[in-house]
Amino acid sequence: MKRRIKPKFRRGRPRKNFKLKKNLKKRLLHRDHRKKISKPRAKTAKKLISPKQKKSAKLEGESLNELIEAGRPRGFVTDNEILYYFPKVEENLPFLEEIYDSLDKAGIKVIETSALIDISKEEPTEAELRNVSKFETEVPDAVQMYLKEIGKTPLLTKDEEKDLAKRLERGEEEARQRLIKANLRLVVSIAKRYANRTPHLSILDLIQEGNLGLSRAVEKFDYRKGFKFSTYATWWIRQAITRALADQSRTIRIPVHMVETISKYTQVRRQ
């Protein structure tokens, strides 16, 4: 019986090389897989505009075009019309500036009007603020007590307003409270001009609405633009009061931009 001759080579080496290649292949595949995973992560780091934001921007653009078309024939639009097309524009002041720029480029002026009555739009003088407790008609005791209380807080100078605004930026609640309290007389002075225009809102109601506008003005005020706070706050207070009058003075709510048209029609009819 013939003896079987064993081959003179080691079988272990090819197996070892095969294992090394297999392990290397796994590592390379794993590394490639990690690369593939890392790429999408890098892309998601970029700021993307959501479909909701795109839709909102499109609607704002359409509304702005409608506003421009409405004002082009007559050469102006009213501040109440801006509020009609953009009810929450005060929450996006950069967009409000964009609206004014677009209207200016189209040669359209923005005219400030009262929602219900024709009154002076000037900011109340310092003398008016000091004599804010004087009413042409008799007012309730509660109003007199309120006026007496707010009269204890002195008026602010422009430098004091700037200092309080800086402190407000740092989150000081005391600065916010002082800025509001020092301008409560401004609210009363503006509310007096709208008094007795509707049985649905008393002078106290108008003052309360004006105080809400004042609070918003404190939140949005930027002292770097060089305006006096009282000048800036006057707009917010007036808008808050006229909105309340337009919303609550009738059983059926009339849009703010239509109130002015009705008022003009009534005046012409009387003539």
Protein backbone atom coordinates (compact mmCIF):
# COMPACT_ATOMS: atom_id res chain seq x y z
CA MET A 1 0.00 0.00 0.00
CA LYS A 2 1.42 3.32 -1.11
CA ARG A 3 2.06 6.06 1.43
CA ARG A 4 0.30 9.41 0.79
CA ILE A 5 2.84 12.22 0.53
CA LYS A 6 1.78 15.40 2.27
CA PRO A 7 2.34 18.68 0.33
CA LYS A 8 5.19 20.80 1.63
CA PHE A 9 3.40 24.13 2.25
CA ARG A 10 1.59 25.74 5.12
CA ARG A 11 -2.11 26.09 4.73
CA GLY A 12 -2.39 28.68 7.52
CA ARG A 13 -0.90 31.64 5.63
CA PRO A 14 -3.52 31.95 2.88
CA ARG A 15 -6.20 31.71 5.52
CA LYS A 16 -4.51 34.47 7.51
CA ASN A 17 -4.26 36.73 4.44
CA PHE A 18 -7.86 36.01 3.60
CA LYS A 19 -8.90 37.03 7.10
CA LEU A 20 -6.85 40.23 6.90
CA LYS A 21 -8.46 41.16 3.58
CA LYS A 22 -11.88 40.38 4.94
CA ASN A 23 -11.31 42.50 8.03
CA LEU A 24 -9.88 45.34 5.94
CA LYS A 25 -12.86 45.18 3.64
CA LYS A 26 -15.18 45.41 6.62
CA ARG A 27 -13.30 48.43 7.94
CA LEU A 28 -13.39 50.14 4.57
CA LEU A 29 -17.07 49.42 4.18
CA HIS A 30 -17.67 50.73 7.70
CA ARG A 31 -15.64 53.87 6.94
CA ASP A 32 -17.53 54.41 3.68
CA HIS A 33 -20.78 53.92 5.55
CA ARG A 34 -19.76 56.53 8.10
CA LYS A 35 -18.90 58.93 5.31
CA LYS A 36 -22.30 58.43 3.76
CA ILE A 37 -23.95 59.09 7.09
CA SER A 38 -21.89 62.19 7.80
CA LYS A 39 -22.77 63.87 4.50
CA PRO A 40 -26.50 64.22 5.18
CA ARG A 41 -25.72 65.49 8.68
CA ALA A 42 -23.55 68.22 7.22
CA LYS A 43 -26.37 69.20 4.88
CA THR A 44 -28.97 69.41 7.63
CA ALA A 45 -26.74 71.87 9.46
CA LYS A 46 -27.64 74.47 6.83
CA LYS A 47 -30.56 76.76 7.58
CA LEU A 48 -33.51 75.67 5.47
CA ILE A 49 -36.79 77.50 4.83
CA SER A 50 -39.78 75.37 5.71
CA PRO A 51 -42.77 75.09 3.32
CA LYS A 52 -44.88 76.93 5.91
CA GLN A 53 -42.44 79.89 5.89
CA LYS A 54 -42.42 79.93 2.07
CA LYS A 55 -46.23 79.97 2.01
CA SER A 56 -46.34 82.78 4.59
CA ALA A 57 -43.82 84.85 2.60
CA LYS A 58 -45.85 84.29 -0.58
CA LEU A 59 -49.08 85.45 1.10
CA GLU A 60 -47.32 88.53 2.51
CA GLY A 61 -46.03 89.36 -0.97
CA GLU A 62 -49.51 89.02 -2.47
CA SER A 63 -51.04 91.21 0.26
CA LEU A 64 -48.35 93.84 -0.28
CA ASN A 65 -49.10 93.91 -4.02
CA GLU A 66 -52.82 94.33 -3.27
CA LEU A 67 -52.07 97.20 -0.90
CA ILE A 68 -49.91 98.93 -3.53
CA GLU A 69 -52.61 98.48 -6.19
CA ALA A 70 -55.23 99.92 -3.80
CA GLY A 71 -53.13 103.01 -3.13
CA ARG A 72 -51.77 103.63 -6.63
CA PRO A 73 -54.85 105.39 -8.13
CA ARG A 74 -55.15 107.89 -5.25
CA GLY A 75 -51.46 108.15 -4.38
CA PHE A 76 -51.76 107.18 -0.70
CA VAL A 77 -52.81 104.50 1.78
CA THR A 78 -53.80 104.89 5.42
CA ASP A 79 -52.11 103.31 8.41
CA ASN A 80 -55.38 101.49 9.12
CA GLU A 81 -55.28 99.90 5.66
CA ILE A 82 -51.80 98.56 6.45
CA LEU A 83 -53.22 97.02 9.64
CA TYR A 84 -56.09 95.52 7.64
CA TYR A 85 -53.77 93.75 5.19
CA PHE A 86 -51.22 92.86 7.88
CA PRO A 87 -53.05 92.53 11.25
CA LYS A 88 -49.93 91.32 13.13
CA VAL A 89 -47.36 93.56 11.46
CA GLU A 90 -46.25 94.97 14.83
CA GLU A 91 -44.71 91.56 15.57
CA ASN A 92 -42.40 91.90 12.56
CA LEU A 93 -40.99 95.43 12.48
CA PRO A 94 -38.37 94.69 9.75
CA PHE A 95 -41.25 93.68 7.46
CA LEU A 96 -43.11 96.90 8.38
CA GLU A 97 -40.08 98.88 7.20
CA GLU A 98 -40.10 96.80 4.00
CA ILE A 99 -43.76 97.76 3.46
CA TYR A 100 -42.95 101.46 3.85
CA ASP A 101 -39.98 101.12 1.45
CA SER A 102 -42.12 99.37 -1.18
CA LEU A 103 -44.84 102.01 -0.92
CA ASP A 104 -42.25 104.77 -1.17
CA LYS A 105 -40.74 103.24 -4.32
CA ALA A 106 -44.24 103.06 -5.84
CA GLY A 107 -44.75 106.76 -5.06
CA ILE A 108 -47.47 106.04 -2.50
CA LYS A 109 -47.65 108.02 0.75
CA VAL A 110 -48.76 106.60 4.10
CA ILE A 111 -51.28 108.87 5.84
CA GLU A 112 -52.13 108.43 9.51
CA THR A 113 -55.86 108.62 10.14
CA SER A 114 -58.20 108.02 13.04
CA ALA A 115 -60.38 104.96 12.74
CA LEU A 116 -63.53 106.79 13.86
CA ILE A 117 -63.02 110.53 14.16
CA ASP A 118 -60.91 113.31 12.77
CA ILE A 119 -58.57 114.44 15.55
CA SER A 120 -55.16 116.03 15.85
CA LYS A 121 -52.36 113.52 15.41
CA GLU A 122 -49.66 115.47 17.16
CA GLU A 123 -47.97 114.09 20.21
CA PRO A 124 -49.41 115.65 23.40
CA THR A 125 -47.36 118.58 24.70
CA GLU A 126 -45.74 118.61 28.14
CA ALA A 127 -48.36 121.12 29.32
CA GLU A 128 -51.15 118.73 28.24
CA LEU A 129 -49.50 115.89 30.12
CA ARG A 130 -49.20 117.95 33.29
CA ASN A 131 -52.88 118.97 33.06
CA VAL A 132 -54.08 115.52 32.09
CA SER A 133 -56.52 115.40 35.03
CA LYS A 134 -58.63 118.21 33.55
CA PHE A 135 -61.65 116.89 31.64
CA GLU A 136 -64.30 118.91 29.83
CA THR A 137 -67.01 116.68 31.29
CA GLU A 138 -67.45 115.07 34.67
CA VAL A 139 -65.63 111.77 35.09
CA PRO A 140 -66.18 108.94 37.60
CA ASP A 141 -64.37 108.97 40.94
CA ALA A 142 -62.39 105.89 39.91
CA VAL A 143 -60.86 107.86 37.03
CA GLN A 144 -60.02 110.78 39.31
CA MET A 145 -58.30 108.44 41.77
CA TYR A 146 -56.35 106.84 38.92
CA LEU A 147 -55.25 110.24 37.58
CA LYS A 148 -54.17 111.33 41.05
CA GLU A 149 -52.08 108.17 41.42
CA ILE A 150 -50.30 108.38 38.05
CA GLY A 151 -49.62 112.09 38.60
CA LYS A 152 -47.20 111.18 41.37
CA THR A 153 -44.69 109.75 38.86
CA PRO A 154 -42.54 112.50 37.29
CA LEU A 155 -42.13 112.81 33.52
CA LEU A 156 -38.88 111.53 32.00
CA THR A 157 -36.25 113.45 30.06
CA LYS A 158 -34.85 112.04 26.81
CA ASP A 159 -31.61 111.00 28.57
CA GLU A 160 -33.58 109.23 31.30
CA GLU A 161 -35.62 107.38 28.66
CA LYS A 162 -32.40 106.27 26.95
CA ASP A 163 -30.89 105.09 30.24
CA LEU A 164 -34.02 103.11 31.12
CA ALA A 165 -34.09 101.56 27.62
CA LYS A 166 -30.49 100.36 28.07
CA ARG A 167 -31.34 98.86 31.45
CA LEU A 168 -34.41 97.24 29.91
CA GLU A 169 -32.19 95.49 27.34
CA ARG A 170 -30.30 93.94 30.23
CA GLY A 171 -33.59 92.54 31.51
CA GLU A 172 -34.22 94.89 34.44
CA GLU A 173 -37.91 94.68 35.30
CA GLU A 174 -37.67 97.82 37.44
CA ALA A 175 -36.65 99.86 34.36
CA ARG A 176 -39.64 98.49 32.44
CA GLN A 177 -42.07 99.40 35.21
CA ARG A 178 -40.68 102.92 35.54
CA LEU A 179 -40.85 103.53 31.78
CA ILE A 180 -44.50 102.44 31.76
CA LYS A 181 -45.53 104.39 34.87
CA ALA A 182 -43.89 107.60 33.65
CA ASN A 183 -45.94 107.44 30.42
CA LEU A 184 -49.38 106.56 31.81
CA ARG A 185 -50.32 110.24 31.55
CA LEU A 186 -49.54 110.04 27.83
CA VAL A 187 -52.13 107.26 27.50
CA VAL A 188 -54.79 109.31 29.31
CA SER A 189 -54.05 112.36 27.17
CA ILE A 190 -54.59 110.37 23.97
CA ALA A 191 -57.62 108.46 25.32
CA LYS A 192 -59.35 111.78 26.18
CA ARG A 193 -59.47 112.64 22.48
CA TYR A 194 -61.55 109.51 21.82
CA ALA A 195 -63.85 109.82 24.86
CA ASN A 196 -67.66 109.78 24.45
CA ARG A 197 -67.51 108.54 20.86
CA THR A 198 -69.31 105.30 21.60
CA PRO A 199 -71.53 104.11 24.48
CA HIS A 200 -69.81 100.72 24.42
CA LEU A 201 -66.43 101.94 25.68
CA SER A 202 -65.96 104.17 28.71
CA ILE A 203 -62.93 106.40 29.29
CA LEU A 204 -61.54 103.68 31.60
CA ASP A 205 -61.87 101.12 28.78
CA LEU A 206 -60.00 103.42 26.41
CA ILE A 207 -57.26 104.00 28.99
CA GLN A 208 -56.92 100.25 29.50
CA GLU A 209 -56.58 99.64 25.75
CA GLY A 210 -54.05 102.46 25.53
CA ASN A 211 -52.04 100.92 28.37
CA LEU A 212 -51.80 97.70 26.37
CA GLY A 213 -50.42 99.70 23.44
CA LEU A 214 -47.94 101.41 25.78
CA SER A 215 -46.75 98.02 27.03
CA ARG A 216 -46.10 96.88 23.46
CA ALA A 217 -44.21 100.12 22.75
CA VAL A 218 -41.92 99.45 25.72
CA GLU A 219 -41.16 95.97 24.35
CA LYS A 220 -40.37 97.24 20.83
CA PHE A 221 -38.60 100.54 21.59
CA ASP A 222 -35.09 100.94 20.14
CA TYR A 223 -33.29 103.96 21.62
CA ARG A 224 -30.50 103.71 18.98
CA LYS A 225 -32.77 105.22 16.32
CA GLY A 226 -32.76 108.53 18.18
CA PHE A 227 -36.52 108.93 18.72
CA LYS A 228 -38.09 110.05 21.97
CA PHE A 229 -39.97 107.22 23.59
CA SER A 230 -43.15 109.31 23.91
CA THR A 231 -43.12 109.97 20.14
CA TYR A 232 -42.74 106.25 19.43
CA ALA A 233 -45.31 105.20 22.05
CA THR A 234 -47.95 107.64 20.73
CA TRP A 235 -48.35 105.53 17.57
CA TRP A 236 -48.78 102.28 19.50
CA ILE A 237 -51.24 103.79 21.99
CA ARG A 238 -53.36 105.35 19.25
CA GLN A 239 -53.45 102.12 17.23
CA ALA A 240 -54.52 100.09 20.29
CA ILE A 241 -57.36 102.51 21.07
CA THR A 242 -58.65 102.82 17.50
CA ARG A 243 -58.57 99.06 17.06
CA ALA A 244 -60.65 98.62 20.20
CA LEU A 245 -63.15 101.20 18.95
CA ALA A 246 -63.44 99.48 15.58
CA ASP A 247 -63.83 96.03 17.17
CA GLN A 248 -66.27 96.83 19.98
CA SER A 249 -68.25 99.90 19.02
CA ARG A 250 -70.66 98.02 16.73
CA THR A 251 -72.63 94.80 17.00
CA ILE A 252 -71.42 93.75 13.56
CA ARG A 253 -67.67 94.29 13.34
CA ILE A 254 -66.60 96.60 10.53
CA PRO A 255 -63.02 96.24 9.23
CA VAL A 256 -60.77 99.05 10.39
CA HIS A 257 -60.01 100.26 6.85
CA MET A 258 -63.75 100.61 6.09
CA VAL A 259 -64.54 102.75 9.15
CA GLU A 260 -62.75 105.74 7.64
CA THR A 261 -64.68 105.37 4.36
CA ILE A 262 -68.00 105.26 6.24
CA SER A 263 -66.99 108.31 8.29
CA LYS A 264 -66.20 110.30 5.11
CA TYR A 265 -69.49 109.22 3.52
CA THR A 266 -71.40 110.38 6.63
CA GLN A 267 -69.70 113.80 6.51
CA VAL A 268 -70.54 114.27 2.81
CA ARG A 269 -74.13 113.18 3.42
CA ARG A 270 -74.53 115.77 6.19
CA GLN A 271 -73.22 118.52 3.91
